Amino acid sequence: MKAKAKIKPVCEDCNSQNLKSRVTTYPLQLGPRRVDVGRVAVKECLDCHHLMPTTAGKEKLNRCLGTLFHMFEHAGISPV
């Protein structure tokens, strides 16, 4: 039985494979607004410091965006 080769993730900006897993604050840009979401699981490139959310991090960001849009909707404010 052959073992599957692991595909190492690469940075989306500089294509480096020098990544580190972290839990950190992730900035979301919604039009002119910037929203900082805390404790998001990301991979950080150690060369260019670009943050890439993991699958769990993306799920958290989607939940936070849904809550944020819901709050804007009830307050009568345009989200973007």
PDB file of N, CA and C in Angstrom:
ATOM      1  N   MET A   1       0.837  -1.165   0.000  1.00  0.00           N
ATOM      2  CA  MET A   1       0.000   0.000   0.000  1.00  0.00           C
ATOM      3  C   MET A   1       0.894   1.244   0.000  1.00  0.00           C
ATOM      4  N   LYS A   2       0.637   2.144  -0.949  1.00  0.00           N
ATOM      5  CA  LYS A   2       1.439   3.355  -1.059  1.00  0.00           C
ATOM      6  C   LYS A   2       0.935   4.419  -0.095  1.00  0.00           C
ATOM      7  N   ALA A   3       1.873   5.128   0.488  1.00  0.00           N
ATOM      8  CA  ALA A   3       1.516   6.257   1.346  1.00  0.00           C
ATOM      9  C   ALA A   3       1.327   7.486   0.468  1.00  0.00           C
ATOM     10  N   LYS A   4       0.299   8.265   0.783  1.00  0.00           N
ATOM     11  CA  LYS A   4       0.053   9.483   0.020  1.00  0.00           C
ATOM     12  C   LYS A   4       1.031  10.558   0.452  1.00  0.00           C
ATOM     13  N   ALA A   5       1.535  11.274  -0.510  1.00  0.00           N
ATOM     14  CA  ALA A   5       2.455  12.371  -0.215  1.00  0.00           C
ATOM     15  C   ALA A   5       1.648  13.570   0.275  1.00  0.00           C
ATOM     16  N   LYS A   6       2.116  14.196   1.352  1.00  0.00           N
ATOM     17  CA  LYS A   6       1.437  15.376   1.865  1.00  0.00           C
ATOM     18  C   LYS A   6       1.758  16.559   0.971  1.00  0.00           C
ATOM     19  N   ILE A   7       0.748  17.317   0.655  1.00  0.00           N
ATOM     20  CA  ILE A   7       0.944  18.530  -0.126  1.00  0.00           C
ATOM     21  C   ILE A   7       1.144  19.660   0.874  1.00  0.00           C
ATOM     22  N   LYS A   8       2.313  20.260   0.833  1.00  0.00           N
ATOM     23  CA  LYS A   8       2.638  21.318   1.764  1.00  0.00           C
ATOM     24  C   LYS A   8       1.992  22.614   1.300  1.00  0.00           C
ATOM     25  N   PRO A   9       1.291  23.311   2.200  1.00  0.00           N
ATOM     26  CA  PRO A   9       0.668  24.571   1.790  1.00  0.00           C
ATOM     27  C   PRO A   9       1.716  25.637   1.481  1.00  0.00           C
ATOM     28  N   VAL A  10       1.357  26.550   0.592  1.00  0.00           N
ATOM     29  CA  VAL A  10       2.260  27.633   0.213  1.00  0.00           C
ATOM     30  C   VAL A  10       1.564  28.971   0.443  1.00  0.00           C
ATOM     31  N   CYS A  11       2.350  30.003   0.631  1.00  0.00           N
ATOM     32  CA  CYS A  11       1.839  31.360   0.833  1.00  0.00           C
ATOM     33  C   CYS A  11       1.173  31.851  -0.455  1.00  0.00           C
ATOM     34  N   GLU A  12       0.034  32.522  -0.305  1.00  0.00           N
ATOM     35  CA  GLU A  12      -0.682  33.042  -1.467  1.00  0.00           C
ATOM     36  C   GLU A  12       0.018  34.251  -2.076  1.00  0.00           C
ATOM     37  N   ASP A  13       0.842  34.949  -1.293  1.00  0.00           N
ATOM     38  CA  ASP A  13       1.518  36.147  -1.797  1.00  0.00           C
ATOM     39  C   ASP A  13       2.884  35.851  -2.411  1.00  0.00           C
ATOM     40  N   CYS A  14       3.728  35.117  -1.660  1.00  0.00           N
ATOM     41  CA  CYS A  14       5.120  34.951  -2.112  1.00  0.00           C
ATOM     42  C   CYS A  14       5.473  33.505  -2.464  1.00  0.00           C
ATOM     43  N   ASN A  15       4.536  32.583  -2.367  1.00  0.00           N
ATOM     44  CA  ASN A  15       4.731  31.161  -2.682  1.00  0.00           C
ATOM     45  C   ASN A  15       5.771  30.472  -1.805  1.00  0.00           C
ATOM     46  N   SER A  16       6.013  31.005  -0.639  1.00  0.00           N
ATOM     47  CA  SER A  16       6.940  30.386   0.299  1.00  0.00           C
ATOM     48  C   SER A  16       6.247  29.227   1.019  1.00  0.00           C
ATOM     49  N   GLN A  17       7.011  28.222   1.410  1.00  0.00           N
ATOM     50  CA  GLN A  17       6.463  27.106   2.183  1.00  0.00           C
ATOM     51  C   GLN A  17       6.817  27.239   3.662  1.00  0.00           C
ATOM     52  N   ASN A  18       7.357  28.367   4.048  1.00  0.00           N
ATOM     53  CA  ASN A  18       7.778  28.623   5.412  1.00  0.00           C
ATOM     54  C   ASN A  18       6.591  29.201   6.193  1.00  0.00           C
ATOM     55  N   LEU A  19       5.648  28.331   6.612  1.00  0.00           N
ATOM     56  CA  LEU A  19       4.425  28.756   7.276  1.00  0.00           C
ATOM     57  C   LEU A  19       4.383  28.268   8.712  1.00  0.00           C
ATOM     58  N   LYS A  20       3.654  29.029   9.548  1.00  0.00           N
ATOM     59  CA  LYS A  20       3.499  28.674  10.947  1.00  0.00           C
ATOM     60  C   LYS A  20       2.031  28.817  11.324  1.00  0.00           C
ATOM     61  N   SER A  21       1.484  27.842  12.063  1.00  0.00           N
ATOM     62  CA  SER A  21       0.105  27.915  12.537  1.00  0.00           C
ATOM     63  C   SER A  21       0.026  28.848  13.728  1.00  0.00           C
ATOM     64  N   ARG A  22      -0.994  29.713  13.716  1.00  0.00           N
ATOM     65  CA  ARG A  22      -1.185  30.666  14.809  1.00  0.00           C
ATOM     66  C   ARG A  22      -2.668  30.881  15.049  1.00  0.00           C
ATOM     67  N   VAL A  23      -2.984  31.405  16.214  1.00  0.00           N
ATOM     68  CA  VAL A  23      -4.319  31.898  16.514  1.00  0.00           C
ATOM     69  C   VAL A  23      -4.133  33.373  16.831  1.00  0.00           C
ATOM     70  N   THR A  24      -4.729  34.229  16.003  1.00  0.00           N
ATOM     71  CA  THR A  24      -4.472  35.662  16.112  1.00  0.00           C
ATOM     72  C   THR A  24      -5.693  36.462  15.678  1.00  0.00           C
ATOM     73  N   THR A  25      -5.606  37.779  15.799  1.00  0.00           N
ATOM     74  CA  THR A  25      -6.649  38.679  15.319  1.00  0.00           C
ATOM     75  C   THR A  25      -6.513  38.807  13.810  1.00  0.00           C
ATOM     76  N   TYR A  26      -7.652  38.648  13.113  1.00  0.00           N
ATOM     77  CA  TYR A  26      -7.642  38.702  11.655  1.00  0.00           C
ATOM     78  C   TYR A  26      -8.455  39.909  11.197  1.00  0.00           C
ATOM     79  N   PRO A  27      -7.876  40.789  10.383  1.00  0.00           N
ATOM     80  CA  PRO A  27      -8.613  41.978   9.923  1.00  0.00           C
ATOM     81  C   PRO A  27      -9.472  41.656   8.700  1.00  0.00           C
ATOM     82  N   LEU A  28     -10.740  42.087   8.752  1.00  0.00           N
ATOM     83  CA  LEU A  28     -11.639  41.975   7.602  1.00  0.00           C
ATOM     84  C   LEU A  28     -11.928  43.375   7.093  1.00  0.00           C
ATOM     85  N   GLN A  29     -11.854  43.570   5.796  1.00  0.00           N
ATOM     86  CA  GLN A  29     -12.148  44.864   5.197  1.00  0.00           C
ATOM     87  C   GLN A  29     -13.527  44.777   4.554  1.00  0.00           C
ATOM     88  N   LEU A  30     -14.485  45.557   5.064  1.00  0.00           N
ATOM     89  CA  LEU A  30     -15.841  45.606   4.510  1.00  0.00           C
ATOM     90  C   LEU A  30     -16.079  47.002   3.956  1.00  0.00           C
ATOM     91  N   GLY A  31     -15.745  47.195   2.692  1.00  0.00           N
ATOM     92  CA  GLY A  31     -15.845  48.520   2.103  1.00  0.00           C
ATOM     93  C   GLY A  31     -14.876  49.454   2.812  1.00  0.00           C
ATOM     94  N   PRO A  32     -15.392  50.573   3.344  1.00  0.00           N
ATOM     95  CA  PRO A  32     -14.503  51.501   4.055  1.00  0.00           C
ATOM     96  C   PRO A  32     -14.236  51.080   5.505  1.00  0.00           C
ATOM     97  N   ARG A  33     -14.964  50.074   5.988  1.00  0.00           N
ATOM     98  CA  ARG A  33     -14.829  49.656   7.384  1.00  0.00           C
ATOM     99  C   ARG A  33     -13.833  48.519   7.531  1.00  0.00           C
ATOM    100  N   ARG A  34     -13.124  48.532   8.651  1.00  0.00           N
ATOM    101  CA  ARG A  34     -12.232  47.428   8.993  1.00  0.00           C
ATOM    102  C   ARG A  34     -12.745  46.803  10.284  1.00  0.00           C
ATOM    103  N   VAL A  35     -12.944  45.491  10.255  1.00  0.00           N
ATOM    104  CA  VAL A  35     -13.426  44.763  11.421  1.00  0.00           C
ATOM    105  C   VAL A  35     -12.347  43.764  11.817  1.00  0.00           C
ATOM    106  N   ASP A  36     -11.893  43.824  13.063  1.00  0.00           N
ATOM    107  CA  ASP A  36     -10.893  42.892  13.570  1.00  0.00           C
ATOM    108  C   ASP A  36     -11.601  41.759  14.307  1.00  0.00           C
ATOM    109  N   VAL A  37     -11.420  40.537  13.813  1.00  0.00           N
ATOM    110  CA  VAL A  37     -12.028  39.355  14.424  1.00  0.00           C
ATOM    111  C   VAL A  37     -10.941  38.663  15.236  1.00  0.00           C
ATOM    112  N   GLY A  38     -11.208  38.448  16.507  1.00  0.00           N
ATOM    113  CA  GLY A  38     -10.208  37.875  17.398  1.00  0.00           C
ATOM    114  C   GLY A  38     -10.192  36.361  17.392  1.00  0.00           C
ATOM    115  N   ARG A  39      -9.051  35.801  17.700  1.00  0.00           N
ATOM    116  CA  ARG A  39      -8.827  34.370  17.880  1.00  0.00           C
ATOM    117  C   ARG A  39      -9.237  33.532  16.664  1.00  0.00           C
ATOM    118  N   VAL A  40      -8.660  33.863  15.529  1.00  0.00           N
ATOM    119  CA  VAL A  40      -8.904  33.133  14.280  1.00  0.00           C
ATOM    120  C   VAL A  40      -7.691  32.255  13.995  1.00  0.00           C
ATOM    121  N   ALA A  41      -7.929  30.988  13.657  1.00  0.00           N
ATOM    122  CA  ALA A  41      -6.851  30.062  13.304  1.00  0.00           C
ATOM    123  C   ALA A  41      -6.348  30.407  11.900  1.00  0.00           C
ATOM    124  N   VAL A  42      -5.060  30.710  11.806  1.00  0.00           N
ATOM    125  CA  VAL A  42      -4.463  31.102  10.526  1.00  0.00           C
ATOM    126  C   VAL A  42      -3.117  30.408  10.348  1.00  0.00           C
ATOM    127  N   LYS A  43      -2.632  30.435   9.115  1.00  0.00           N
ATOM    128  CA  LYS A  43      -1.249  30.079   8.791  1.00  0.00           C
ATOM    129  C   LYS A  43      -0.567  31.397   8.450  1.00  0.00           C
ATOM    130  N   GLU A  44       0.555  31.687   9.116  1.00  0.00           N
ATOM    131  CA  GLU A  44       1.291  32.909   8.852  1.00  0.00           C
ATOM    132  C   GLU A  44       2.560  32.580   8.095  1.00  0.00           C
ATOM    133  N   CYS A  45       2.796  33.298   7.013  1.00  0.00           N
ATOM    134  CA  CYS A  45       4.040  33.155   6.260  1.00  0.00           C
ATOM    135  C   CYS A  45       5.139  33.845   7.051  1.00  0.00           C
ATOM    136  N   LEU A  46       6.214  33.131   7.337  1.00  0.00           N
ATOM    137  CA  LEU A  46       7.306  33.709   8.107  1.00  0.00           C
ATOM    138  C   LEU A  46       8.213  34.601   7.264  1.00  0.00           C
ATOM    139  N   ASP A  47       8.025  34.572   5.944  1.00  0.00           N
ATOM    140  CA  ASP A  47       8.823  35.423   5.061  1.00  0.00           C
ATOM    141  C   ASP A  47       8.163  36.789   4.832  1.00  0.00           C
ATOM    142  N   CYS A  48       6.859  36.795   4.482  1.00  0.00           N
ATOM    143  CA  CYS A  48       6.186  38.066   4.177  1.00  0.00           C
ATOM    144  C   CYS A  48       5.098  38.425   5.193  1.00  0.00           C
ATOM    145  N   HIS A  49       4.845  37.571   6.179  1.00  0.00           N
ATOM    146  CA  HIS A  49       3.879  37.780   7.263  1.00  0.00           C
ATOM    147  C   HIS A  49       2.438  37.895   6.779  1.00  0.00           C
ATOM    148  N   HIS A  50       2.129  37.267   5.650  1.00  0.00           N
ATOM    149  CA  HIS A  50       0.760  37.218   5.137  1.00  0.00           C
ATOM    150  C   HIS A  50      -0.026  36.203   5.965  1.00  0.00           C
ATOM    151  N   LEU A  51      -1.277  36.532   6.342  1.00  0.00           N
ATOM    152  CA  LEU A  51      -2.131  35.644   7.121  1.00  0.00           C
ATOM    153  C   LEU A  51      -3.138  34.963   6.210  1.00  0.00           C
ATOM    154  N   MET A  52      -3.236  33.629   6.325  1.00  0.00           N
ATOM    155  CA  MET A  52      -4.190  32.855   5.546  1.00  0.00           C
ATOM    156  C   MET A  52      -5.033  32.021   6.502  1.00  0.00           C
ATOM    157  N   PRO A  53      -6.348  32.278   6.583  1.00  0.00           N
ATOM    158  CA  PRO A  53      -7.192  31.512   7.494  1.00  0.00           C
ATOM    159  C   PRO A  53      -7.237  30.035   7.114  1.00  0.00           C
ATOM    160  N   THR A  54      -7.233  29.171   8.139  1.00  0.00           N
ATOM    161  CA  THR A  54      -7.403  27.740   7.910  1.00  0.00           C
ATOM    162  C   THR A  54      -8.884  27.474   7.679  1.00  0.00           C
ATOM    163  N   THR A  55      -9.254  26.227   7.482  1.00  0.00           N
ATOM    164  CA  THR A  55     -10.664  25.879   7.284  1.00  0.00           C
ATOM    165  C   THR A  55     -11.491  26.299   8.493  1.00  0.00           C
ATOM    166  N   ALA A  56     -11.000  26.002   9.690  1.00  0.00           N
ATOM    167  CA  ALA A  56     -11.706  26.403  10.911  1.00  0.00           C
ATOM    168  C   ALA A  56     -11.761  27.920  11.030  1.00  0.00           C
ATOM    169  N   GLY A  57     -10.690  28.595  10.628  1.00  0.00           N
ATOM    170  CA  GLY A  57     -10.658  30.053  10.663  1.00  0.00           C
ATOM    171  C   GLY A  57     -11.664  30.665   9.710  1.00  0.00           C
ATOM    172  N   LYS A  58     -11.801  30.084   8.514  1.00  0.00           N
ATOM    173  CA  LYS A  58     -12.779  30.570   7.540  1.00  0.00           C
ATOM    174  C   LYS A  58     -14.200  30.402   8.056  1.00  0.00           C
ATOM    175  N   GLU A  59     -14.460  29.276   8.738  1.00  0.00           N
ATOM    176  CA  GLU A  59     -15.788  29.045   9.307  1.00  0.00           C
ATOM    177  C   GLU A  59     -16.101  30.097  10.364  1.00  0.00           C
ATOM    178  N   LYS A  60     -15.142  30.424  11.208  1.00  0.00           N
ATOM    179  CA  LYS A  60     -15.349  31.450  12.230  1.00  0.00           C
ATOM    180  C   LYS A  60     -15.599  32.808  11.585  1.00  0.00           C
ATOM    181  N   LEU A  61     -14.830  33.148  10.556  1.00  0.00           N
ATOM    182  CA  LEU A  61     -15.023  34.427   9.880  1.00  0.00           C
ATOM    183  C   LEU A  61     -16.417  34.513   9.259  1.00  0.00           C
ATOM    184  N   ASN A  62     -16.893  33.417   8.671  1.00  0.00           N
ATOM    185  CA  ASN A  62     -18.244  33.398   8.091  1.00  0.00           C
ATOM    186  C   ASN A  62     -19.309  33.585   9.161  1.00  0.00           C
ATOM    187  N   ARG A  63     -19.131  32.940  10.326  1.00  0.00           N
ATOM    188  CA  ARG A  63     -20.088  33.121  11.424  1.00  0.00           C
ATOM    189  C   ARG A  63     -20.091  34.568  11.896  1.00  0.00           C
ATOM    190  N   CYS A  64     -18.918  35.161  12.038  1.00  0.00           N
ATOM    191  CA  CYS A  64     -18.816  36.548  12.493  1.00  0.00           C
ATOM    192  C   CYS A  64     -19.429  37.511  11.485  1.00  0.00           C
ATOM    193  N   LEU A  65     -19.209  37.265  10.195  1.00  0.00           N
ATOM    194  CA  LEU A  65     -19.798  38.122   9.166  1.00  0.00           C
ATOM    195  C   LEU A  65     -21.319  38.022   9.177  1.00  0.00           C
ATOM    196  N   GLY A  66     -21.853  36.822   9.368  1.00  0.00           N
ATOM    197  CA  GLY A  66     -23.296  36.650   9.449  1.00  0.00           C
ATOM    198  C   GLY A  66     -23.883  37.416  10.612  1.00  0.00           C
ATOM    199  N   THR A  67     -23.238  37.343  11.771  1.00  0.00           N
ATOM    200  CA  THR A  67     -23.690  38.076  12.947  1.00  0.00           C
ATOM    201  C   THR A  67     -23.601  39.578  12.720  1.00  0.00           C
ATOM    202  N   LEU A  68     -22.507  40.024  12.106  1.00  0.00           N
ATOM    203  CA  LEU A  68     -22.317  41.445  11.839  1.00  0.00           C
ATOM    204  C   LEU A  68     -23.387  41.978  10.886  1.00  0.00           C
ATOM    205  N   PHE A  69     -23.678  41.262   9.811  1.00  0.00           N
ATOM    206  CA  PHE A  69     -24.710  41.686   8.869  1.00  0.00           C
ATOM    207  C   PHE A  69     -26.083  41.709   9.536  1.00  0.00           C
ATOM    208  N   HIS A  70     -26.328  40.734  10.403  1.00  0.00           N
ATOM    209  CA  HIS A  70     -27.596  40.691  11.129  1.00  0.00           C
ATOM    210  C   HIS A  70     -27.736  41.922  12.037  1.00  0.00           C
ATOM    211  N   MET A  71     -26.650  42.302  12.733  1.00  0.00           N
ATOM    212  CA  MET A  71     -26.684  43.482  13.602  1.00  0.00           C
ATOM    213  C   MET A  71     -26.896  44.756  12.768  1.00  0.00           C
ATOM    214  N   PHE A  72     -26.211  44.878  11.633  1.00  0.00           N
ATOM    215  CA  PHE A  72     -26.394  46.041  10.776  1.00  0.00           C
ATOM    216  C   PHE A  72     -27.820  46.121  10.259  1.00  0.00           C
ATOM    217  N   GLU A  73     -28.384  44.982   9.894  1.00  0.00           N
ATOM    218  CA  GLU A  73     -29.742  44.939   9.355  1.00  0.00           C
ATOM    219  C   GLU A  73     -30.751  45.442  10.380  1.00  0.00           C
ATOM    220  N   HIS A  74     -30.608  45.022  11.635  1.00  0.00           N
ATOM    221  CA  HIS A  74     -31.540  45.444  12.677  1.00  0.00           C
ATOM    222  C   HIS A  74     -31.336  46.906  13.063  1.00  0.00           C
ATOM    223  N   ALA A  75     -30.157  47.426  12.906  1.00  0.00           N
ATOM    224  CA  ALA A  75     -29.882  48.822  13.246  1.00  0.00           C
ATOM    225  C   ALA A  75     -30.220  49.759  12.082  1.00  0.00           C
ATOM    226  N   GLY A  76     -30.490  49.200  10.907  1.00  0.00           N
ATOM    227  CA  GLY A  76     -30.820  50.025   9.735  1.00  0.00           C
ATOM    228  C   GLY A  76     -29.606  50.678   9.113  1.00  0.00           C
ATOM    229  N   ILE A  77     -28.425  50.086   9.291  1.00  0.00           N
ATOM    230  CA  ILE A  77     -27.173  50.620   8.755  1.00  0.00           C
ATOM    231  C   ILE A  77     -26.748  49.768   7.565  1.00  0.00           C
ATOM    232  N   SER A  78     -26.217  50.399   6.533  1.00  0.00           N
ATOM    233  CA  SER A  78     -25.698  49.668   5.382  1.00  0.00           C
ATOM    234  C   SER A  78     -24.374  49.010   5.778  1.00  0.00           C
ATOM    235  N   PRO A  79     -24.208  47.690   5.560  1.00  0.00           N
ATOM    236  CA  PRO A  79     -22.993  47.014   5.958  1.00  0.00           C
ATOM    237  C   PRO A  79     -21.758  47.409   5.149  1.00  0.00           C
ATOM    238  N   VAL A  80     -21.936  47.935   3.946  1.00  0.00           N
ATOM    239  CA  VAL A  80     -20.782  48.366   3.144  1.00  0.00           C
ATOM    240  C   VAL A  80     -20.935  49.774   2.675  1.00  0.00           C
TER     241      VAL A  80
END
